[in-house]
C-alpha atoms as a PDB file:
ATOM      1  CA  MET A   1      44.176 -10.414-104.354  1.00  0.00           C
ATOM      2  CA  VAL A   2      42.447  -7.833-102.341  1.00  0.00           C
ATOM      3  CA  ALA A   3      40.007  -8.790 -99.395  1.00  0.00           C
ATOM      4  CA  THR A   4      36.504  -7.208 -98.715  1.00  0.00           C
ATOM      5  CA  ALA A   5      33.166  -7.762 -97.761  1.00  0.00           C
ATOM      6  CA  GLY A   6      30.927 -10.352 -99.551  1.00  0.00           C
ATOM      7  CA  HIS A   7      28.069  -7.934-100.087  1.00  0.00           C
ATOM      8  CA  CYS A   8      30.842  -5.326-101.248  1.00  0.00           C
ATOM      9  CA  VAL A   9      30.780  -8.428-104.720  1.00  0.00           C
ATOM     10  CA  TYR A  10      27.321 -10.064-104.536  1.00  0.00           C
ATOM     11  CA  ASP A  11      24.101  -8.456-104.001  1.00  0.00           C
ATOM     12  CA  THR A  12      21.917 -10.965-102.006  1.00  0.00           C
ATOM     13  CA  SER A  13      18.831  -8.707-102.127  1.00  0.00           C
ATOM     14  CA  ASN A  14      19.144  -8.859-106.485  1.00  0.00           C
ATOM     15  CA  ASP A  15      20.990 -12.285-106.459  1.00  0.00           C
ATOM     16  CA  GLU A  16      23.374 -10.978-108.906  1.00  0.00           C
ATOM     17  CA  GLN A  17      27.167 -10.635-108.823  1.00  0.00           C
ATOM     18  CA  LEU A  18      28.731  -6.905-108.604  1.00  0.00           C
ATOM     19  CA  MET A  19      31.686  -7.515-110.260  1.00  0.00           C
ATOM     20  CA  ASP A  20      30.914  -5.636-113.859  1.00  0.00           C
ATOM     21  CA  ASN A  21      32.147  -1.771-112.388  1.00  0.00           C
ATOM     22  CA  TRP A  22      34.509  -3.339-109.229  1.00  0.00           C
ATOM     23  CA  VAL A  23      37.854  -1.800-109.208  1.00  0.00           C
ATOM     24  CA  PHE A  24      40.703  -1.483-106.473  1.00  0.00           C
ATOM     25  CA  VAL A  25      42.814   1.403-105.627  1.00  0.00           C
ATOM     26  CA  PRO A  26      45.550   1.093-103.236  1.00  0.00           C
ATOM     27  CA  GLY A  27      46.389   4.121-101.614  1.00  0.00           C
ATOM     28  CA  TYR A  28      43.581   6.009-102.552  1.00  0.00           C
ATOM     29  CA  TYR A  29      43.510   9.651-101.140  1.00  0.00           C
ATOM     30  CA  GLN A  30      40.891  12.333-102.529  1.00  0.00           C
ATOM     31  CA  GLY A  31      40.813  10.968-105.601  1.00  0.00           C
ATOM     32  CA  LYS A  32      44.376  10.001-106.584  1.00  0.00           C
ATOM     33  CA  ALA A  33      45.513   6.435-106.911  1.00  0.00           C
ATOM     34  CA  PRO A  34      49.378   6.563-106.383  1.00  0.00           C
ATOM     35  CA  TRP A  35      50.143   2.899-107.526  1.00  0.00           C
ATOM     36  CA  GLY A  36      47.256   2.438-110.150  1.00  0.00           C
ATOM     37  CA  VAL A  37      44.181   1.256-110.811  1.00  0.00           C
ATOM     38  CA  TYR A  38      43.355  -2.816-110.302  1.00  0.00           C
ATOM     39  CA  VAL A  39      40.156  -4.401-112.147  1.00  0.00           C
ATOM     40  CA  GLY A  40      38.821  -7.441-110.223  1.00  0.00           C
ATOM     41  CA  LYS A  41      38.390 -10.419-112.386  1.00  0.00           C
ATOM     42  CA  GLN A  42      36.543 -12.786-109.634  1.00  0.00           C
ATOM     43  CA  ALA A  43      34.989 -12.988-106.686  1.00  0.00           C
ATOM     44  CA  PHE A  44      35.220 -16.238-104.103  1.00  0.00           C
ATOM     45  CA  VAL A  45      32.401 -15.876-101.621  1.00  0.00           C
ATOM     46  CA  HIS A  46      31.421 -18.374 -99.142  1.00  0.00           C
ATOM     47  CA  TYR A  47      28.616 -20.904-100.316  1.00  0.00           C
ATOM     48  CA  ASP A  48      26.657 -19.812 -97.350  1.00  0.00           C
ATOM     49  CA  TYR A  49      26.970 -16.319 -97.968  1.00  0.00           C
ATOM     50  CA  SER A  50      25.802 -16.606-101.852  1.00  0.00           C
ATOM     51  CA  VAL A  51      22.987 -19.485-101.254  1.00  0.00           C
ATOM     52  CA  TYR A  52      21.657 -18.626 -97.576  1.00  0.00           C
ATOM     53  CA  GLU A  53      22.788 -14.818 -97.738  1.00  0.00           C
ATOM     54  CA  ASP A  54      23.997 -16.138 -94.079  1.00  0.00           C
ATOM     55  CA  TYR A  55      26.127 -12.472 -93.075  1.00  0.00           C
ATOM     56  CA  ASP A  56      28.408 -14.736 -90.769  1.00  0.00           C
ATOM     57  CA  ARG A  57      30.405 -15.604 -93.950  1.00  0.00           C
ATOM     58  CA  ASP A  58      29.992 -11.733 -95.358  1.00  0.00           C
ATOM     59  CA  TYR A  59      33.475 -11.806 -96.451  1.00  0.00           C
ATOM     60  CA  ALA A  60      35.218 -11.981-100.320  1.00  0.00           C
ATOM     61  CA  PHE A  61      38.618 -12.442-101.787  1.00  0.00           C
ATOM     62  CA  VAL A  62      38.932 -10.852-105.164  1.00  0.00           C
ATOM     63  CA  SER A  63      41.538 -11.854-107.732  1.00  0.00           C
ATOM     64  CA  VAL A  64      42.788  -8.512-109.376  1.00  0.00           C
ATOM     65  CA  TYR A  65      44.446  -8.077-112.874  1.00  0.00           C
ATOM     66  CA  ASN A  66      47.538  -6.279-113.396  1.00  0.00           C
ATOM     67  CA  GLY A  67      47.135  -2.587-112.388  1.00  0.00           C
ATOM     68  CA  VAL A  68      46.684   0.156-114.868  1.00  0.00           C
ATOM     69  CA  THR A  69      48.259   3.714-114.562  1.00  0.00           C
ATOM     70  CA  ILE A  70      46.174   6.465-116.160  1.00  0.00           C
ATOM     71  CA  LYS A  71      47.982   9.474-117.426  1.00  0.00           C
ATOM     72  CA  ASP A  72      45.944  12.652-118.608  1.00  0.00           C
ATOM     73  CA  SER A  73      48.445  14.969-120.201  1.00  0.00           C
ATOM     74  CA  THR A  74      47.503  18.426-121.777  1.00  0.00           C
ATOM     75  CA  VAL A  75      48.211  18.857-125.350  1.00  0.00           C
ATOM     76  CA  THR A  76      47.822  20.831-128.490  1.00  0.00           C
ATOM     77  CA  LYS A  77      44.599  20.860-131.069  1.00  0.00           C
ATOM     78  CA  SER A  78      46.883  19.370-133.368  1.00  0.00           C
ATOM     79  CA  GLU A  79      48.683  16.556-131.125  1.00  0.00           C
ATOM     80  CA  TYR A  80      44.919  15.607-129.758  1.00  0.00           C
ATOM     81  CA  ASP A  81      43.945  15.232-133.594  1.00  0.00           C
ATOM     82  CA  ALA A  82      47.161  13.202-134.567  1.00  0.00           C
ATOM     83  CA  ASP A  83      46.082  10.785-131.156  1.00  0.00           C
ATOM     84  CA  ARG A  84      42.847  10.563-132.165  1.00  0.00           C
ATOM     85  CA  GLY A  85      43.957   9.555-136.375  1.00  0.00           C
ATOM     86  CA  LYS A  86      40.820  12.106-137.627  1.00  0.00           C
ATOM     87  CA  PRO A  87      39.732  16.203-137.725  1.00  0.00           C
ATOM     88  CA  GLY A  88      39.329  17.692-134.542  1.00  0.00           C
ATOM     89  CA  THR A  89      36.110  18.245-132.943  1.00  0.00           C
ATOM     90  CA  ASP A  90      34.005  19.535-130.481  1.00  0.00           C
ATOM     91  CA  THR A  91      33.051  16.414-128.412  1.00  0.00           C
ATOM     92  CA  THR A  92      33.246  15.958-125.061  1.00  0.00           C
ATOM     93  CA  LYS A  93      34.480  12.638-125.306  1.00  0.00           C
ATOM     94  CA  ALA A  94      37.061  10.795-126.924  1.00  0.00           C
ATOM     95  CA  ASP A  95      38.818   7.243-127.773  1.00  0.00           C
ATOM     96  CA  HIS A  96      41.919   8.030-126.302  1.00  0.00           C
ATOM     97  CA  GLY A  97      41.124  12.245-124.741  1.00  0.00           C
ATOM     98  CA  TYR A  98      38.463  15.106-124.308  1.00  0.00           C
ATOM     99  CA  TYR A  99      38.347  18.114-125.185  1.00  0.00           C
ATOM    100  CA  ASP A 100      37.402  20.391-122.014  1.00  0.00           C
ATOM    101  CA  ARG A 101      35.459  23.251-123.418  1.00  0.00           C
ATOM    102  CA  SER A 102      35.828  25.166-120.249  1.00  0.00           C
ATOM    103  CA  SER A 103      39.224  25.799-120.722  1.00  0.00           C
ATOM    104  CA  ASN A 104      39.674  25.065-124.124  1.00  0.00           C
ATOM    105  CA  THR A 105      41.799  22.612-123.410  1.00  0.00           C
ATOM    106  CA  TYR A 106      43.153  18.932-125.464  1.00  0.00           C
ATOM    107  CA  HIS A 107      43.323  16.129-123.369  1.00  0.00           C
ATOM    108  CA  VAL A 108      45.135  12.264-124.439  1.00  0.00           C
ATOM    109  CA  ILE A 109      44.560   9.536-121.881  1.00  0.00           C
ATOM    110  CA  ASP A 110      47.443   7.051-121.943  1.00  0.00           C
ATOM    111  CA  ALA A 111      47.029   3.822-119.875  1.00  0.00           C
ATOM    112  CA  SER A 112      49.740   1.594-118.955  1.00  0.00           C
ATOM    113  CA  ASP A 113      50.496  -1.630-117.274  1.00  0.00           C
ATOM    114  CA  ALA A 114      51.461  -0.881-113.741  1.00  0.00           C
ATOM    115  CA  GLY A 115      52.254  -4.759-112.888  1.00  0.00           C
ATOM    116  CA  ARG A 116      51.088  -7.118-110.024  1.00  0.00           C
ATOM    117  CA  LEU A 117      49.164  -5.545-106.963  1.00  0.00           C
ATOM    118  CA  GLY A 118      51.608  -7.495-104.249  1.00  0.00           C
ATOM    119  CA  ASP A 119      54.592  -6.627-106.519  1.00  0.00           C
ATOM    120  CA  ASN A 120      54.003  -3.078-105.904  1.00  0.00           C
ATOM    121  CA  VAL A 121      52.499  -2.528-103.095  1.00  0.00           C
ATOM    122  CA  GLY A 122      52.989  -5.902-100.989  1.00  0.00           C
ATOM    123  CA  GLY A 123      50.354  -7.296 -98.630  1.00  0.00           C
ATOM    124  CA  GLN A 124      48.987  -8.179 -95.063  1.00  0.00           C
ATOM    125  CA  GLY A 125      49.182 -11.989 -93.860  1.00  0.00           C
ATOM    126  CA  ILE A 126      46.362 -13.882 -92.897  1.00  0.00           C
ATOM    127  CA  SER A 127      45.008 -15.422 -89.861  1.00  0.00           C
ATOM    128  CA  TRP A 128      42.051 -17.425 -88.121  1.00  0.00           C
ATOM    129  CA  ASN A 129      40.072 -19.307 -85.209  1.00  0.00           C
ATOM    130  CA  GLN A 130      42.029 -16.157 -83.036  1.00  0.00           C
ATOM    131  CA  PRO A 131      40.283 -15.549 -79.853  1.00  0.00           C
ATOM    132  CA  LEU A 132      38.551 -12.638 -78.616  1.00  0.00           C
ATOM    133  CA  LYS A 133      40.060  -9.712 -76.855  1.00  0.00           C
ATOM    134  CA  LYS A 134      43.087  -8.815 -79.262  1.00  0.00           C
ATOM    135  CA  ALA A 135      43.736  -5.448 -80.136  1.00  0.00           C
ATOM    136  CA  HIS A 136      43.043  -4.641 -83.846  1.00  0.00           C
ATOM    137  CA  TYR A 137      43.428  -1.836 -86.102  1.00  0.00           C
ATOM    138  CA  VAL A 138      40.588  -1.568 -88.651  1.00  0.00           C
ATOM    139  CA  PHE A 139      40.677   0.891 -91.859  1.00  0.00           C
ATOM    140  CA  GLY A 140      38.027   2.048 -94.025  1.00  0.00           C
ATOM    141  CA  TYR A 141      36.515   5.232 -96.265  1.00  0.00           C
ATOM    142  CA  PRO A 142      33.162   6.055 -94.229  1.00  0.00           C
ATOM    143  CA  GLN A 143      31.143   8.353 -96.278  1.00  0.00           C
ATOM    144  CA  ALA A 144      27.310   7.894 -95.177  1.00  0.00           C
ATOM    145  CA  ALA A 145      25.861  10.162 -92.459  1.00  0.00           C
ATOM    146  CA  GLN A 146      25.268   9.386 -88.995  1.00  0.00           C
ATOM    147  CA  PRO A 147      21.587   8.219 -87.910  1.00  0.00           C
ATOM    148  CA  ASP A 148      21.125  11.744 -86.795  1.00  0.00           C
ATOM    149  CA  GLY A 149      21.729  13.171 -90.254  1.00  0.00           C
ATOM    150  CA  ASN A 150      25.073  14.694 -89.564  1.00  0.00           C
ATOM    151  CA  LYS A 151      27.609  13.410 -91.808  1.00  0.00           C
ATOM    152  CA  PRO A 152      31.441  13.591 -90.815  1.00  0.00           C
ATOM    153  CA  PHE A 153      32.796  11.588 -93.200  1.00  0.00           C
ATOM    154  CA  THR A 154      33.655  12.293 -97.076  1.00  0.00           C
ATOM    155  CA  GLY A 155      34.089   8.883 -98.569  1.00  0.00           C
ATOM    156  CA  VAL A 156      37.183  10.078-100.229  1.00  0.00           C
ATOM    157  CA  THR A 157      39.482  10.140 -96.746  1.00  0.00           C
ATOM    158  CA  PRO A 158      40.777   6.770 -94.975  1.00  0.00           C
ATOM    159  CA  LYS A 159      39.891   6.411 -91.484  1.00  0.00           C
ATOM    160  CA  TRP A 160      40.936   4.498 -88.717  1.00  0.00           C
ATOM    161  CA  CYS A 161      39.609   2.769 -85.582  1.00  0.00           C
ATOM    162  CA  TYR A 162      41.563   0.926 -82.700  1.00  0.00           C
ATOM    163  CA  GLY A 163      40.064  -1.751 -80.123  1.00  0.00           C
ATOM    164  CA  THR A 164      39.869  -5.186 -78.984  1.00  0.00           C
ATOM    165  CA  THR A 165      37.467  -7.376 -80.582  1.00  0.00           C
ATOM    166  CA  THR A 166      34.507  -8.594 -78.233  1.00  0.00           C
ATOM    167  CA  ALA A 167      31.554 -11.137 -78.727  1.00  0.00           C
ATOM    168  CA  LYS A 168      29.143  -9.079 -81.015  1.00  0.00           C
ATOM    169  CA  THR A 169      26.302  -7.788 -78.497  1.00  0.00           C
ATOM    170  CA  VAL A 170      24.011  -6.757 -81.111  1.00  0.00           C
ATOM    171  CA  GLY A 171      21.906  -9.076 -83.311  1.00  0.00           C
ATOM    172  CA  SER A 172      20.359  -9.036 -86.913  1.00  0.00           C
ATOM    173  CA  ALA A 173      18.108 -11.643 -87.537  1.00  0.00           C
ATOM    174  CA  ALA A 174      17.439 -10.317 -91.384  1.00  0.00           C
ATOM    175  CA  LYS A 175      21.103 -10.953 -91.825  1.00  0.00           C
ATOM    176  CA  LYS A 176      21.094 -13.916 -89.592  1.00  0.00           C
ATOM    177  CA  ILE A 177      24.463 -12.896 -87.929  1.00  0.00           C
ATOM    178  CA  GLU A 178      25.252 -15.324 -85.092  1.00  0.00           C
ATOM    179  CA  GLU A 179      28.505 -15.441 -84.682  1.00  0.00           C
ATOM    180  CA  HIS A 180      30.369 -11.909 -85.404  1.00  0.00           C
ATOM    181  CA  VAL A 181      33.104 -10.182 -83.211  1.00  0.00           C
ATOM    182  CA  GLY A 182      32.788  -6.653 -82.633  1.00  0.00           C
ATOM    183  CA  LEU A 183      34.770  -3.453 -81.945  1.00  0.00           C
ATOM    184  CA  LYS A 184      33.915  -0.134 -80.912  1.00  0.00           C
ATOM    185  CA  CYS A 185      33.988   2.481 -84.005  1.00  0.00           C
ATOM    186  CA  SER A 186      32.224   5.533 -85.136  1.00  0.00           C
ATOM    187  CA  MET A 187      33.070   4.930 -89.339  1.00  0.00           C
ATOM    188  CA  THR A 188      29.515   4.545 -91.167  1.00  0.00           C
ATOM    189  CA  ALA A 189      28.583   2.823 -94.082  1.00  0.00           C
ATOM    190  CA  GLY A 190      31.342   3.507 -97.009  1.00  0.00           C
ATOM    191  CA  ALA A 191      33.611   1.593 -94.555  1.00  0.00           C
ATOM    192  CA  ASP A 192      32.177  -2.019 -95.838  1.00  0.00           C
ATOM    193  CA  GLY A 193      35.128  -4.547 -96.435  1.00  0.00           C
ATOM    194  CA  GLY A 194      37.457  -2.812 -94.501  1.00  0.00           C
ATOM    195  CA  PRO A 195      40.296  -4.901 -93.325  1.00  0.00           C
ATOM    196  CA  TRP A 196      40.525  -5.559 -89.026  1.00  0.00           C
ATOM    197  CA  LEU A 197      44.291  -6.169 -88.886  1.00  0.00           C
ATOM    198  CA  LEU A 198      45.637  -8.068 -85.969  1.00  0.00           C
ATOM    199  CA  LYS A 199      49.383  -7.433 -84.609  1.00  0.00           C
ATOM    200  CA  TYR A 200      49.560  -4.156 -87.363  1.00  0.00           C
ATOM    201  CA  SER A 201      52.559  -2.358 -87.086  1.00  0.00           C
ATOM    202  CA  SER A 202      52.027   1.298 -87.978  1.00  0.00           C
ATOM    203  CA  ALA A 203      55.503   1.286 -88.920  1.00  0.00           C
ATOM    204  CA  LYS A 204      55.695  -1.196 -91.447  1.00  0.00           C
ATOM    205  CA  ARG A 205      52.162  -0.781 -92.543  1.00  0.00           C
ATOM    206  CA  LEU A 206      52.083  -4.717 -91.795  1.00  0.00           C
ATOM    207  CA  GLY A 207      49.780  -7.149 -90.162  1.00  0.00           C
ATOM    208  CA  TYR A 208      47.387 -10.011 -90.397  1.00  0.00           C
ATOM    209  CA  LEU A 209      43.737  -9.975 -91.629  1.00  0.00           C
ATOM    210  CA  ASN A 210      41.561 -10.735 -89.136  1.00  0.00           C
ATOM    211  CA  GLY A 211      38.031  -9.383 -90.111  1.00  0.00           C
ATOM    212  CA  VAL A 212      36.360  -7.430 -92.443  1.00  0.00           C
ATOM    213  CA  THR A 213      33.731  -4.858 -91.828  1.00  0.00           C
ATOM    214  CA  SER A 214      30.296  -6.326 -92.211  1.00  0.00           C
ATOM    215  CA  ALA A 215      27.704  -4.201 -90.352  1.00  0.00           C
ATOM    216  CA  PHE A 216      27.546  -1.133 -88.229  1.00  0.00           C
ATOM    217  CA  TYR A 217      24.993  -0.386 -85.023  1.00  0.00           C
ATOM    218  CA  ASP A 218      24.184   2.118 -82.455  1.00  0.00           C
ATOM    219  CA  GLN A 219      24.355   0.406 -79.531  1.00  0.00           C
ATOM    220  CA  ASP A 220      23.409   3.157 -76.986  1.00  0.00           C
ATOM    221  CA  GLU A 221      20.598   4.183 -79.532  1.00  0.00           C
ATOM    222  CA  ASN A 222      21.632   7.951 -79.553  1.00  0.00           C
ATOM    223  CA  ASP A 223      21.684   8.001 -83.182  1.00  0.00           C
ATOM    224  CA  ARG A 224      25.230   7.629 -84.235  1.00  0.00           C
ATOM    225  CA  VAL A 225      27.088   4.438 -84.868  1.00  0.00           C
ATOM    226  CA  ASP A 226      29.356   3.462 -82.332  1.00  0.00           C
ATOM    227  CA  TYR A 227      29.954  -0.414 -82.897  1.00  0.00           C
ATOM    228  CA  ILE A 228      30.494  -2.576 -85.806  1.00  0.00           C
ATOM    229  CA  SER A 229      31.219  -6.385 -86.567  1.00  0.00           C
ATOM    230  CA  SER A 230      32.958  -8.833 -88.631  1.00  0.00           C
ATOM    231  CA  PRO A 231      32.196 -12.274 -89.493  1.00  0.00           C
ATOM    232  CA  TYR A 232      34.492 -14.657 -87.329  1.00  0.00           C
ATOM    233  CA  PHE A 233      37.525 -16.170 -89.689  1.00  0.00           C
ATOM    234  CA  ASP A 234      37.824 -19.672 -89.066  1.00  0.00           C
ATOM    235  CA  GLY A 235      39.117 -22.557 -91.067  1.00  0.00           C
ATOM    236  CA  GLU A 236      36.168 -21.971 -93.381  1.00  0.00           C
ATOM    237  CA  THR A 237      37.095 -18.588 -94.246  1.00  0.00           C
ATOM    238  CA  TYR A 238      40.723 -19.870 -95.013  1.00  0.00           C
ATOM    239  CA  SER A 239      39.225 -22.397 -97.314  1.00  0.00           C
ATOM    240  CA  VAL A 240      37.481 -19.629 -99.203  1.00  0.00           C
ATOM    241  CA  TYR A 241      40.956 -17.386 -99.472  1.00  0.00           C
ATOM    242  CA  ALA A 242      43.091 -20.328-100.723  1.00  0.00           C
ATOM    243  CA  ALA A 243      40.773 -21.023-103.903  1.00  0.00           C
ATOM    244  CA  ALA A 244      40.943 -17.207-104.775  1.00  0.00           C
ATOM    245  CA  ALA A 245      44.815 -17.344-103.933  1.00  0.00           C
ATOM    246  CA  ASN A 246      45.313 -20.251-106.323  1.00  0.00           C
ATOM    247  CA  VAL A 247      43.971 -18.000-109.715  1.00  0.00           C
ATOM    248  CA  TRP A 248      46.364 -15.915-111.730  1.00  0.00           C
ATOM    249  CA  SER A 249      44.612 -13.304-113.003  1.00  0.00           C
ATOM    250  CA  GLY A 250      47.055 -11.734-116.113  1.00  0.00           C
ATOM    251  CA  LYS A 251      47.200  -8.182-117.530  1.00  0.00           C
ATOM    252  CA  LEU A 252      44.361  -6.457-118.896  1.00  0.00           C
ATOM    253  CA  PHE A 253      46.108  -5.445-122.296  1.00  0.00           C
END
C-alpha cells in the first residue's frame, strides 16, 4: 500500500479519479526503477475530500498490484522476428519489442512478476494524533519552477527537507484549508504526496508516516516557496488507512 495526497488520485476540479495511469516506483532515481513498477489498483480517500473538496483531508492510501520488472534486451533481427511471431517490419513499436531506427537496433521487452511491494522494500509505520513541534523528514520529487521562474529541480531526483512542524500560518479559502500543519521547505510542486516521516532513522530508512505534502506557500513573499503543509493525521486518517490495508491487490499476470 502507498500513501499519497488525495489530489494525486482524485481531481476535484473535474470530479474524476486519476487511477488509469497511476504507478508507484520505489527508489526511483533518474529514470531507473530498481524494485520494479507497481500499478495502483484502488485508491481510498476521505469522504470530505471527494465530496466537499476539503483539503484538510487531502490524503489517500492506494492498494497496488504486485510489481512488474521490465527488461529491455538488444537482440538480432531473427530473434526479434521470432519473438514477434511474424516477419520483421520497420515498425517503431511492437507487442513485445520495438525497432530503433536511429541505431538500427532490435529490442525485446520482457515483463515478469516482481512480488509484493512490502516484501521487496519494507514499509513505514503510521502515526496519528501527534503534537506539533516534532521533527520530521519530508521527501519528494519537486519539479515545478519557483514563482520567480527559477527552476532548481528536475523531478527525477529525490529531495528532502528536515524541520519541526508548526501550526499552518497561511490560509487557503479555495482549498478550505484550516487544520494543516506546516514545515519550512523550499520544495516545489511535483513533491505533492511525498511522506512526512516522524522519528525517521536515516541509517535504517524507517520512521512513521505522519503527513503528506499537500500545499506550497511563499510566506515571505519573495517569489520563492519556503513553506509546505500537510493535513493533520488524526483518527479519521487512520480509518481511511485501515480500510485500504484490508484490501489484497493480487498479481497483474
